[in-house]
Amino acid sequence: MNKNDLICNLNKIQTTDMGVDRIKRNLRLSNIDVVEFCKSKITKENCYIYKQGKNWYCEIDGIKFTINSFSYTIITAHLL
């Protein structure tokens, strides 16, 4: 699998209510659509995307996103 597999399934990316809270807390975000924020970062040309085990990892702008490769659920995001 390469990063195009994730990009081609961008419309499937989602998260849970707990995921929204976790991502907002970890990235210090306030009133923002977390899923759209993540998608906008992931689609940037300089985003480093790789798959390890059951997850996709996306690193850009000092942020690392973890996305489940089967459900396309954003599990978490952390500042690097």
C-alpha atoms as a PDB file:
ATOM      1  CA  MET A   1       0.000   0.000   0.000  1.00  0.00           C
ATOM      2  CA  ASN A   2       1.196   3.469  -0.755  1.00  0.00           C
ATOM      3  CA  LYS A   3       0.010   6.899   0.298  1.00  0.00           C
ATOM      4  CA  ASN A   4      -2.313   7.110  -2.717  1.00  0.00           C
ATOM      5  CA  ASP A   5      -4.441   4.403  -1.084  1.00  0.00           C
ATOM      6  CA  LEU A   6      -5.142   6.779   1.796  1.00  0.00           C
ATOM      7  CA  ILE A   7      -5.643   9.821  -0.439  1.00  0.00           C
ATOM      8  CA  CYS A   8      -8.034   7.904  -2.721  1.00  0.00           C
ATOM      9  CA  ASN A   9     -10.184   7.079   0.316  1.00  0.00           C
ATOM     10  CA  LEU A  10     -10.182  10.582   1.773  1.00  0.00           C
ATOM     11  CA  ASN A  11     -13.986  10.645   1.718  1.00  0.00           C
ATOM     12  CA  LYS A  12     -14.020   7.745   4.229  1.00  0.00           C
ATOM     13  CA  ILE A  13     -11.927   9.551   6.849  1.00  0.00           C
ATOM     14  CA  GLN A  14     -13.892  10.203  10.037  1.00  0.00           C
ATOM     15  CA  THR A  15     -13.464  10.100  13.795  1.00  0.00           C
ATOM     16  CA  THR A  16     -15.463   9.473  16.936  1.00  0.00           C
ATOM     17  CA  ASP A  17     -16.760  12.060  19.404  1.00  0.00           C
ATOM     18  CA  MET A  18     -13.996  11.013  21.787  1.00  0.00           C
ATOM     19  CA  GLY A  19     -11.516  11.345  18.922  1.00  0.00           C
ATOM     20  CA  VAL A  20     -12.652  14.919  18.268  1.00  0.00           C
ATOM     21  CA  ASP A  21     -12.081  15.818  21.928  1.00  0.00           C
ATOM     22  CA  ARG A  22      -8.693  14.069  22.028  1.00  0.00           C
ATOM     23  CA  ILE A  23      -7.437  15.718  18.830  1.00  0.00           C
ATOM     24  CA  LYS A  24      -8.627  19.174  19.894  1.00  0.00           C
ATOM     25  CA  ARG A  25      -6.913  18.757  23.258  1.00  0.00           C
ATOM     26  CA  ASN A  26      -3.663  17.370  21.824  1.00  0.00           C
ATOM     27  CA  LEU A  27      -3.375  20.018  19.089  1.00  0.00           C
ATOM     28  CA  ARG A  28      -4.771  22.851  21.193  1.00  0.00           C
ATOM     29  CA  LEU A  29      -7.586  23.558  18.742  1.00  0.00           C
ATOM     30  CA  SER A  30     -10.892  25.207  19.555  1.00  0.00           C
ATOM     31  CA  ASN A  31     -13.957  25.632  17.362  1.00  0.00           C
ATOM     32  CA  ILE A  32     -12.864  23.773  14.248  1.00  0.00           C
ATOM     33  CA  ASP A  33     -14.048  20.820  12.186  1.00  0.00           C
ATOM     34  CA  VAL A  34     -11.372  18.330  13.220  1.00  0.00           C
ATOM     35  CA  VAL A  35     -11.932  15.929  10.317  1.00  0.00           C
ATOM     36  CA  GLU A  36     -11.707  18.694   7.701  1.00  0.00           C
ATOM     37  CA  PHE A  37      -8.621  20.085   9.450  1.00  0.00           C
ATOM     38  CA  CYS A  38      -6.944  16.677   9.302  1.00  0.00           C
ATOM     39  CA  LYS A  39      -7.928  16.112   5.663  1.00  0.00           C
ATOM     40  CA  SER A  40      -6.532  19.500   4.664  1.00  0.00           C
ATOM     41  CA  LYS A  41      -3.194  18.643   6.280  1.00  0.00           C
ATOM     42  CA  ILE A  42      -3.066  15.110   4.851  1.00  0.00           C
ATOM     43  CA  THR A  43      -3.620  16.311   1.281  1.00  0.00           C
ATOM     44  CA  LYS A  44      -0.715  18.751   1.331  1.00  0.00           C
ATOM     45  CA  GLU A  45       2.030  17.713  -1.059  1.00  0.00           C
ATOM     46  CA  ASN A  46       4.725  17.726   1.624  1.00  0.00           C
ATOM     47  CA  CYS A  47       2.792  15.447   4.017  1.00  0.00           C
ATOM     48  CA  TYR A  48       4.850  12.357   4.832  1.00  0.00           C
ATOM     49  CA  ILE A  49       2.433   9.402   4.775  1.00  0.00           C
ATOM     50  CA  TYR A  50       3.368   5.839   5.636  1.00  0.00           C
ATOM     51  CA  LYS A  51       1.644   2.671   6.756  1.00  0.00           C
ATOM     52  CA  GLN A  52       2.866   0.643   9.694  1.00  0.00           C
ATOM     53  CA  GLY A  53       0.865  -2.352  10.867  1.00  0.00           C
ATOM     54  CA  LYS A  54      -2.827  -1.535  10.905  1.00  0.00           C
ATOM     55  CA  ASN A  55      -2.426   2.242  10.868  1.00  0.00           C
ATOM     56  CA  TRP A  56      -1.559   5.048   8.520  1.00  0.00           C
ATOM     57  CA  TYR A  57       0.693   7.769   9.919  1.00  0.00           C
ATOM     58  CA  CYS A  58       0.771  11.255   8.453  1.00  0.00           C
ATOM     59  CA  GLU A  59       3.369  13.809   9.508  1.00  0.00           C
ATOM     60  CA  ILE A  60       3.214  17.460   8.540  1.00  0.00           C
ATOM     61  CA  ASP A  61       3.691  20.891  10.125  1.00  0.00           C
ATOM     62  CA  GLY A  62       4.873  19.384  13.412  1.00  0.00           C
ATOM     63  CA  ILE A  63       1.802  17.137  13.717  1.00  0.00           C
ATOM     64  CA  LYS A  64       1.519  13.357  13.519  1.00  0.00           C
ATOM     65  CA  PHE A  65      -1.894  11.883  12.685  1.00  0.00           C
ATOM     66  CA  THR A  66      -2.751   8.224  13.310  1.00  0.00           C
ATOM     67  CA  ILE A  67      -5.491   6.788  11.094  1.00  0.00           C
ATOM     68  CA  ASN A  68      -6.806   3.223  11.190  1.00  0.00           C
ATOM     69  CA  SER A  69      -6.204   1.695   7.753  1.00  0.00           C
ATOM     70  CA  PHE A  70      -9.387  -0.403   7.740  1.00  0.00           C
ATOM     71  CA  SER A  71     -12.027   2.000   9.090  1.00  0.00           C
ATOM     72  CA  TYR A  72     -10.250   5.261   8.116  1.00  0.00           C
ATOM     73  CA  THR A  73     -10.905   6.532  11.630  1.00  0.00           C
ATOM     74  CA  ILE A  74      -8.575   9.252  12.880  1.00  0.00           C
ATOM     75  CA  ILE A  75      -7.448   7.744  16.148  1.00  0.00           C
ATOM     76  CA  THR A  76      -5.342  10.614  17.407  1.00  0.00           C
ATOM     77  CA  ALA A  77      -3.044  13.459  16.488  1.00  0.00           C
ATOM     78  CA  HIS A  78      -0.012  14.688  18.415  1.00  0.00           C
ATOM     79  CA  LEU A  79       2.392  17.570  18.190  1.00  0.00           C
ATOM     80  CA  LEU A  80       5.872  16.327  17.322  1.00  0.00           C
END
